[in-house]
Amino acid sequence: MKTITKSSELKDFCDRATNEKYITIDTEFLRERTYFSKLCLVQLAIPGDEDENAVIVDTLVKNLDLAPLYDIFQNQNIVKVFHAARQDLEIFYLASGIFPYPLFDTQIAAMVCGFGDQVAYETLVRHLAKQTLDKSSRFTDWSRRPLTDAQKKYALADVTHLRVIYEILSEKLLKTGRLNWVEEELKNLISSETYDVNPKNSWRRLKTKSNSRRFLGLVASLAEFRENFAQSKNIPRYRVIKDDALLELASNKPKNLDELSRSRLLLREARQGEIASGLLTAIKKGLEIPDSELPEKQLKSDKGNVNSALADLLRVLLKACSENAGVASKLIASAGDLDALAAGDRNIVALNGWRFEVFGKSALELCDGKIGLSVAGSKVKTFHL
């Protein structure tokens, strides 16, 4: 098991990779105690079962230059293969501003090939590579050195089996003409908007029952402070202030340290110093937001407008279309999409691209009363009215 600790070694491996059609990639990182992920390892493999074709890159080594890997990312002749790539791509994008392209995500490909929703890597290893994974090192602290042979073997398995999985799935997609379906799904993964966190919009991730715009303004101001502070100190959001405590402050609106200290949910560290000062300033800022500039909650489809019977029929239709196409139903449309359709909304993802051909066209016909549903044995079929 080759562990790369020198820039020259990484360059040599990447030079070899330029002669291949694809390279499989995975990472090991920690994020429990930081805002940004701490990259600990990068695992790489190229076609071929030889030991030298799979390596571990120790990214914690001082002065290790990842430029050769980023050159591979930008090489249009090499497909970069990941499984569930989002967190890996975020790490690389924030570090370099580069997205690997062309990209292939085996989790998305597996969903298109009928393996269900968000299929696990272990499942694909078992079904496609006909192997089992040793999960004994699953909860390793990847920042600790030295790594044991068992840990290295576990890490490498994430890219060695991935070669077989990629070859099988890509061949299946080519035969079914669905490779462009996967490419369509990957667009969001290689969009900078997916990873650029705007502190001003961070309040939207909090779940609130109130629609009061002044309350939401306070939540937005507090969440913006928390995001900026967490980023600047590279600590998790919860270390600044937890969600429930943030909502409590937005409701109680303390004006000074004495009132702030009465909060039931606030962490001890947040009752004084930089955090306390920042929270009070954020509350003051939230109270001073002009009425015309206060945020507004994006309301979901009005439940009162949803035709519940039609929504139920759409669920049956989706299940039938999903089974007929061999595609995970959640990849086609969510429960919210179906409710929106039943409420008359026509601006949903399921009515575009390949989803329209698989489900959207029939869904619109069902909504317009042009088709009905019937049962033939264990199958649900459509018929024209």
Protein backbone atom coordinates (compact mmCIF):
# COMPACT_ATOMS: atom_id res chain seq x y z
CA MET A 1 0.00 0.00 0.00
CA LYS A 2 1.74 3.12 -1.26
CA THR A 3 1.42 6.26 0.86
CA ILE A 4 2.50 9.45 -0.89
CA THR A 5 4.23 11.97 1.35
CA LYS A 6 6.25 13.95 -1.21
CA SER A 7 5.18 16.33 -3.97
CA SER A 8 7.43 14.52 -6.45
CA GLU A 9 5.70 11.20 -5.70
CA LEU A 10 2.28 12.73 -6.30
CA LYS A 11 3.48 14.26 -9.56
CA ASP A 12 4.81 10.88 -10.73
CA PHE A 13 1.47 9.17 -10.02
CA CYS A 14 -0.53 11.94 -11.67
CA ASP A 15 1.76 11.81 -14.72
CA ARG A 16 0.91 8.11 -15.02
CA ALA A 17 -2.78 8.92 -14.63
CA THR A 18 -2.73 11.23 -17.67
CA ASN A 19 -2.49 8.12 -19.86
CA GLU A 20 -5.70 6.63 -18.41
CA LYS A 21 -9.36 7.17 -19.28
CA TYR A 22 -10.44 7.63 -15.67
CA ILE A 23 -9.23 7.99 -12.11
CA THR A 24 -11.21 7.15 -8.95
CA ILE A 25 -11.00 9.57 -6.04
CA ASP A 26 -12.09 9.70 -2.41
CA THR A 27 -11.16 11.70 0.68
CA GLU A 28 -10.99 11.25 4.42
CA PHE A 29 -11.58 14.37 6.47
CA LEU A 30 -12.68 15.67 9.86
CA ARG A 31 -15.31 18.33 10.50
CA GLU A 32 -16.55 17.74 14.03
CA ARG A 33 -14.43 20.48 15.60
CA THR A 34 -14.06 22.95 12.70
CA TYR A 35 -16.24 24.99 10.36
CA PHE A 36 -14.26 23.96 7.30
CA SER A 37 -13.43 20.33 6.64
CA LYS A 38 -9.88 19.31 7.55
CA LEU A 39 -8.57 17.21 4.66
CA CYS A 40 -6.54 14.29 6.03
CA LEU A 41 -6.18 11.88 3.09
CA VAL A 42 -6.85 11.68 -0.62
CA GLN A 43 -7.16 8.21 -2.12
CA LEU A 44 -6.50 7.73 -5.84
CA ALA A 45 -6.69 4.73 -8.16
CA ILE A 46 -6.26 4.20 -11.89
CA PRO A 47 -7.30 1.14 -13.95
CA GLY A 48 -5.42 -2.08 -13.26
CA ASP A 49 -5.10 -4.34 -10.23
CA GLU A 50 -1.40 -3.72 -9.65
CA ASP A 51 -0.57 -2.39 -6.17
CA GLU A 52 1.09 0.72 -7.59
CA ASN A 53 -2.17 1.72 -9.30
CA ALA A 54 -3.81 2.73 -6.01
CA VAL A 55 -2.26 5.21 -3.58
CA ILE A 56 -3.00 7.17 -0.44
CA VAL A 57 -1.94 10.83 -0.37
CA ASP A 58 -1.13 12.08 3.13
CA THR A 59 -2.34 15.67 2.90
CA LEU A 60 -1.24 16.49 6.44
CA VAL A 61 2.42 16.36 5.39
CA LYS A 62 3.93 19.86 5.41
CA ASN A 63 4.56 21.52 2.03
CA LEU A 64 2.84 18.77 0.04
CA ASP A 65 1.83 20.37 -3.27
CA LEU A 66 -1.53 19.18 -4.62
CA ALA A 67 -1.07 21.05 -7.92
CA PRO A 68 -0.54 17.81 -9.94
CA LEU A 69 -3.91 16.54 -8.70
CA TYR A 70 -5.60 19.81 -9.63
CA ASP A 71 -4.05 19.49 -13.09
CA ILE A 72 -5.75 16.10 -13.37
CA PHE A 73 -9.03 17.73 -12.30
CA GLN A 74 -8.79 20.07 -15.29
CA ASN A 75 -7.67 17.42 -17.79
CA GLN A 76 -10.66 16.97 -20.10
CA ASN A 77 -9.48 13.54 -21.26
CA ILE A 78 -9.76 11.88 -17.84
CA VAL A 79 -13.06 11.13 -16.11
CA LYS A 80 -12.89 11.83 -12.37
CA VAL A 81 -14.96 9.20 -10.54
CA PHE A 82 -16.38 9.73 -7.04
CA HIS A 83 -19.12 8.18 -4.93
CA ALA A 84 -21.45 10.72 -3.27
CA ALA A 85 -19.13 13.49 -4.38
CA ARG A 86 -20.65 16.58 -2.79
CA GLN A 87 -18.48 16.85 0.33
CA ASP A 88 -15.34 15.90 -1.58
CA LEU A 89 -16.02 18.56 -4.20
CA GLU A 90 -16.68 21.18 -1.53
CA ILE A 91 -13.28 20.50 0.06
CA PHE A 92 -11.42 20.77 -3.24
CA TYR A 93 -13.39 23.79 -4.46
CA LEU A 94 -12.82 25.79 -1.26
CA ALA A 95 -9.11 24.89 -1.32
CA SER A 96 -8.43 25.54 -5.00
CA GLY A 97 -11.47 27.08 -6.69
CA ILE A 98 -11.40 24.12 -9.10
CA PHE A 99 -14.02 21.51 -9.91
CA PRO A 100 -12.96 18.13 -11.36
CA TYR A 101 -14.35 17.74 -14.87
CA PRO A 102 -15.51 15.59 -16.55
CA LEU A 103 -17.09 14.12 -13.43
CA PHE A 104 -18.90 10.86 -12.69
CA ASP A 105 -20.75 10.21 -9.42
CA THR A 106 -21.53 6.52 -8.91
CA GLN A 107 -24.27 7.26 -6.35
CA ILE A 108 -26.20 9.36 -8.87
CA ALA A 109 -25.50 6.86 -11.64
CA ALA A 110 -26.78 4.03 -9.44
CA MET A 111 -30.02 5.92 -8.80
CA VAL A 112 -30.50 6.35 -12.54
CA CYS A 113 -29.81 2.62 -12.97
CA GLY A 114 -32.51 1.64 -10.47
CA PHE A 115 -30.51 0.95 -7.29
CA GLY A 116 -32.79 3.09 -5.12
CA ASP A 117 -32.40 6.42 -3.36
CA GLN A 118 -28.92 7.53 -2.23
CA VAL A 119 -27.51 4.02 -2.48
CA ALA A 120 -24.57 3.36 -0.17
CA TYR A 121 -21.09 2.55 -1.48
CA GLU A 122 -21.11 -0.67 0.51
CA THR A 123 -24.25 -1.80 -1.35
CA LEU A 124 -22.64 -1.22 -4.74
CA VAL A 125 -19.46 -3.01 -3.66
CA ARG A 126 -21.53 -6.01 -2.64
CA HIS A 127 -23.82 -6.10 -5.68
CA LEU A 128 -21.47 -5.00 -8.47
CA ALA A 129 -17.92 -5.68 -7.30
CA LYS A 130 -19.01 -8.88 -5.48
CA GLN A 131 -16.86 -7.94 -2.50
CA THR A 132 -17.45 -7.02 1.14
CA LEU A 133 -16.03 -4.06 3.03
CA ASP A 134 -14.24 -4.30 6.35
CA LYS A 135 -15.89 -1.51 8.36
CA SER A 136 -13.72 -1.86 11.48
CA SER A 137 -11.91 1.42 10.69
CA ARG A 138 -15.07 3.33 9.84
CA PHE A 139 -14.83 5.75 12.77
CA THR A 140 -11.12 6.43 12.52
CA ASP A 141 -9.67 9.78 13.53
CA TRP A 142 -7.96 10.35 10.19
CA SER A 143 -5.82 13.18 11.55
CA ARG A 144 -3.82 10.86 13.82
CA ARG A 145 -0.50 9.46 12.66
CA PRO A 146 0.79 6.90 12.02
CA LEU A 147 -2.02 5.11 10.24
CA THR A 148 -2.29 1.37 10.70
CA ASP A 149 -2.31 -1.06 7.78
CA ALA A 150 -5.97 -1.78 8.53
CA GLN A 151 -6.82 1.92 8.25
CA LYS A 152 -4.92 2.25 4.99
CA LYS A 153 -6.63 -0.84 3.58
CA TYR A 154 -10.03 0.57 4.55
CA ALA A 155 -9.24 3.92 2.92
CA LEU A 156 -7.97 2.35 -0.31
CA ALA A 157 -11.07 0.17 -0.62
CA ASP A 158 -13.04 3.35 -1.26
CA VAL A 159 -11.28 3.78 -4.61
CA THR A 160 -10.20 0.29 -5.67
CA HIS A 161 -13.72 -1.22 -5.77
CA LEU A 162 -14.92 2.04 -7.27
CA ARG A 163 -13.13 1.15 -10.51
CA VAL A 164 -15.32 -1.93 -11.07
CA ILE A 165 -18.48 -0.05 -10.05
CA TYR A 166 -17.72 2.79 -12.46
CA GLU A 167 -17.03 0.48 -15.38
CA ILE A 168 -20.26 -1.49 -14.86
CA LEU A 169 -22.48 1.56 -14.33
CA SER A 170 -21.01 3.60 -17.19
CA GLU A 171 -21.45 0.67 -19.57
CA LYS A 172 -25.06 0.26 -18.46
CA LEU A 173 -25.74 3.96 -18.94
CA LEU A 174 -24.25 3.88 -22.43
CA LYS A 175 -26.40 0.89 -23.39
CA THR A 176 -29.58 2.53 -22.09
CA GLY A 177 -28.74 5.96 -23.49
CA ARG A 178 -28.95 7.54 -20.05
CA LEU A 179 -25.46 8.93 -19.62
CA ASN A 180 -26.82 12.42 -20.33
CA TRP A 181 -29.30 11.94 -17.46
CA VAL A 182 -26.38 11.63 -15.04
CA GLU A 183 -24.62 14.59 -16.60
CA GLU A 184 -27.77 16.66 -16.11
CA GLU A 185 -27.80 15.76 -12.41
CA LEU A 186 -24.13 16.67 -11.99
CA LYS A 187 -24.61 20.30 -13.01
CA ASN A 188 -25.52 21.36 -9.48
CA LEU A 189 -22.49 19.54 -8.05
CA ILE A 190 -20.07 21.57 -10.16
CA SER A 191 -21.77 24.92 -9.60
CA SER A 192 -19.97 27.39 -7.35
CA GLU A 193 -23.35 28.52 -5.98
CA THR A 194 -23.73 25.11 -4.33
CA TYR A 195 -20.69 25.72 -2.09
CA ASP A 196 -20.51 29.49 -1.68
CA VAL A 197 -22.20 30.11 1.69
CA ASN A 198 -23.58 33.63 1.88
CA PRO A 199 -23.92 34.50 5.59
CA LYS A 200 -26.85 36.79 4.75
CA ASN A 201 -28.87 33.78 3.59
CA SER A 202 -27.82 31.39 6.35
CA TRP A 203 -31.06 32.03 8.29
CA ARG A 204 -32.97 30.02 5.69
CA ARG A 205 -31.57 26.75 7.03
CA LEU A 206 -33.27 27.32 10.40
CA LYS A 207 -36.74 25.90 10.97
CA THR A 208 -39.11 28.49 12.40
CA LYS A 209 -42.84 28.35 12.98
CA SER A 210 -43.33 32.10 13.01
CA ASN A 211 -43.93 34.08 9.81
CA SER A 212 -43.41 37.43 11.57
CA ARG A 213 -41.07 39.42 9.36
CA ARG A 214 -39.54 41.29 12.33
CA PHE A 215 -38.81 37.99 14.06
CA LEU A 216 -37.29 36.65 10.82
CA GLY A 217 -35.20 39.82 10.57
CA LEU A 218 -33.75 39.13 14.00
CA VAL A 219 -33.13 35.49 13.10
CA ALA A 220 -31.38 36.59 9.89
CA SER A 221 -29.17 39.09 11.72
CA LEU A 222 -28.17 36.58 14.42
CA ALA A 223 -27.55 33.82 11.86
CA GLU A 224 -25.39 36.15 9.76
CA PHE A 225 -23.25 36.99 12.81
CA ARG A 226 -22.95 33.31 13.72
CA GLU A 227 -21.87 32.32 10.21
CA ASN A 228 -19.27 35.08 9.95
CA PHE A 229 -17.89 34.36 13.43
CA ALA A 230 -17.75 30.58 12.86
CA GLN A 231 -15.93 31.07 9.56
CA SER A 232 -13.44 33.55 11.00
CA LYS A 233 -12.57 31.26 13.93
CA ASN A 234 -12.99 28.03 11.92
CA ILE A 235 -15.29 26.51 14.53
CA PRO A 236 -18.66 24.74 14.08
CA ARG A 237 -21.79 26.90 14.16
CA TYR A 238 -23.05 25.20 17.30
CA ARG A 239 -19.92 26.33 19.16
CA VAL A 240 -21.04 29.93 18.64
CA ILE A 241 -24.74 29.48 19.37
CA LYS A 242 -27.10 26.57 18.81
CA ASP A 243 -30.21 26.90 16.67
CA ASP A 244 -32.68 26.73 19.55
CA ALA A 245 -30.75 29.36 21.52
CA LEU A 246 -30.60 31.62 18.46
CA LEU A 247 -34.37 31.42 18.03
CA GLU A 248 -34.81 32.09 21.76
CA LEU A 249 -32.77 35.29 21.49
CA ALA A 250 -34.71 36.40 18.41
CA SER A 251 -37.89 35.99 20.43
CA ASN A 252 -36.70 37.59 23.71
CA LYS A 253 -34.55 40.36 22.15
CA PRO A 254 -32.15 40.99 25.09
CA LYS A 255 -30.62 44.47 25.08
CA ASN A 256 -27.67 44.01 27.44
CA LEU A 257 -25.44 41.38 29.05
CA ASP A 258 -27.71 41.04 32.06
CA GLU A 259 -30.74 40.23 29.92
CA LEU A 260 -28.62 38.01 27.67
CA SER A 261 -27.45 35.96 30.67
CA ARG A 262 -31.07 35.04 31.45
CA SER A 263 -31.25 32.91 28.31
CA ARG A 264 -31.91 29.28 29.24
CA LEU A 265 -30.32 27.78 26.14
CA LEU A 266 -27.23 29.93 25.60
CA LEU A 267 -23.83 28.25 26.01
CA ARG A 268 -21.67 29.59 28.85
CA GLU A 269 -19.01 30.78 26.37
CA ALA A 270 -21.62 32.92 24.60
CA ARG A 271 -22.65 34.86 27.71
CA GLN A 272 -19.56 37.07 27.66
CA GLY A 273 -16.72 38.26 25.45
CA GLU A 274 -16.74 38.41 21.65
CA ILE A 275 -19.73 36.18 21.14
CA ALA A 276 -21.96 37.98 23.64
CA SER A 277 -21.00 41.36 22.18
CA GLY A 278 -21.65 40.10 18.67
CA LEU A 279 -25.05 38.67 19.59
CA LEU A 280 -26.21 41.91 21.20
CA THR A 281 -25.01 43.90 18.19
CA ALA A 282 -26.83 41.51 15.85
CA ILE A 283 -30.07 41.89 17.83
CA LYS A 284 -29.77 45.67 17.72
CA LYS A 285 -29.13 45.48 13.98
CA GLY A 286 -32.15 43.22 13.50
CA LEU A 287 -34.42 45.63 15.36
CA GLU A 288 -33.26 48.51 13.16
CA ILE A 289 -33.96 46.83 9.81
CA PRO A 290 -36.53 48.97 7.93
CA ASP A 291 -39.90 47.26 7.53
CA SER A 292 -39.53 47.27 3.74
CA GLU A 293 -36.24 45.32 3.97
CA LEU A 294 -37.33 42.61 6.39
CA PRO A 295 -36.97 39.05 5.10
CA GLU A 296 -39.96 36.93 4.26
CA LYS A 297 -40.33 33.18 4.63
CA GLN A 298 -40.65 31.31 1.36
CA LEU A 299 -43.97 29.58 1.82
CA LYS A 300 -44.51 26.12 0.43
CA SER A 301 -47.52 25.28 -1.68
CA ASP A 302 -50.66 26.33 0.10
CA LYS A 303 -52.05 23.14 1.58
CA GLY A 304 -55.51 24.51 1.04
CA ASN A 305 -54.94 24.59 -2.71
CA VAL A 306 -53.61 21.04 -2.95
CA ASN A 307 -56.05 18.57 -4.49
CA SER A 308 -55.27 15.70 -2.11
CA ALA A 309 -56.93 13.09 -4.31
CA LEU A 310 -54.89 14.23 -7.31
CA ALA A 311 -51.72 14.23 -5.17
CA ASP A 312 -52.41 10.61 -4.22
CA LEU A 313 -52.91 9.67 -7.88
CA LEU A 314 -49.64 11.39 -8.78
CA ARG A 315 -47.85 9.31 -6.15
CA VAL A 316 -49.22 6.13 -7.71
CA LEU A 317 -48.22 7.37 -11.18
CA LEU A 318 -44.71 8.24 -9.96
CA LYS A 319 -44.25 4.77 -8.49
CA ALA A 320 -45.39 3.18 -11.76
CA CYS A 321 -43.14 5.42 -13.89
CA SER A 322 -40.20 4.84 -11.55
CA GLU A 323 -40.58 1.05 -11.78
CA ASN A 324 -41.04 1.11 -15.55
CA ALA A 325 -37.95 3.24 -16.07
CA GLY A 326 -35.85 1.56 -13.38
CA VAL A 327 -35.03 4.90 -11.76
CA ALA A 328 -35.22 5.86 -8.09
CA SER A 329 -38.52 7.70 -7.56
CA LYS A 330 -36.98 10.43 -5.36
CA LEU A 331 -34.61 11.30 -8.19
CA ILE A 332 -37.60 11.99 -10.42
CA ALA A 333 -39.81 13.99 -8.04
CA SER A 334 -40.14 14.69 -4.33
CA ALA A 335 -43.32 14.59 -2.27
CA GLY A 336 -43.26 18.39 -2.30
CA ASP A 337 -43.10 18.38 -6.10
CA LEU A 338 -46.20 16.18 -6.28
CA ASP A 339 -48.13 18.43 -3.88
CA ALA A 340 -47.07 21.46 -5.91
CA LEU A 341 -48.28 19.79 -9.11
CA ALA A 342 -51.59 18.96 -7.46
CA ALA A 343 -51.88 22.62 -6.41
CA GLY A 344 -51.40 23.82 -10.00
CA ASP A 345 -47.70 24.70 -9.89
CA ARG A 346 -45.98 23.98 -13.20
CA ASN A 347 -42.54 25.34 -12.27
CA ILE A 348 -40.96 22.18 -10.85
CA VAL A 349 -37.89 20.17 -11.83
CA ALA A 350 -39.94 17.07 -12.72
CA LEU A 351 -41.36 18.88 -15.75
CA ASN A 352 -37.95 19.39 -17.36
CA GLY A 353 -35.30 17.34 -19.15
CA TRP A 354 -35.32 13.57 -18.88
CA ARG A 355 -37.76 13.70 -15.98
CA PHE A 356 -40.41 15.11 -18.30
CA GLU A 357 -40.11 12.12 -20.62
CA VAL A 358 -40.14 9.60 -17.77
CA PHE A 359 -42.86 11.15 -15.61
CA GLY A 360 -43.66 14.81 -16.25
CA LYS A 361 -45.57 14.39 -19.50
CA SER A 362 -47.85 11.73 -18.02
CA ALA A 363 -48.23 13.75 -14.82
CA LEU A 364 -49.52 16.77 -16.74
CA GLU A 365 -51.93 14.56 -18.68
CA LEU A 366 -53.21 13.12 -15.40
CA CYS A 367 -53.66 16.61 -13.94
CA ASP A 368 -55.54 17.71 -17.07
CA GLY A 369 -57.85 14.68 -16.99
CA LYS A 370 -56.49 13.26 -20.23
CA ILE A 371 -55.38 9.91 -18.79
CA GLY A 372 -56.47 7.59 -16.02
CA LEU A 373 -54.82 4.82 -14.03
CA SER A 374 -55.70 1.14 -14.09
CA VAL A 375 -54.33 -2.03 -12.54
CA ALA A 376 -53.23 -5.04 -14.59
CA GLY A 377 -52.03 -7.76 -12.26
CA SER A 378 -49.34 -6.17 -10.10
CA LYS A 379 -48.72 -3.33 -12.57
CA VAL A 380 -50.27 0.15 -12.68
CA LYS A 381 -50.94 1.34 -16.22
CA THR A 382 -52.24 4.52 -17.80
CA PHE A 383 -55.06 4.75 -20.32
CA HIS A 384 -56.38 7.66 -22.35
CA LEU A 385 -59.75 9.12 -21.44
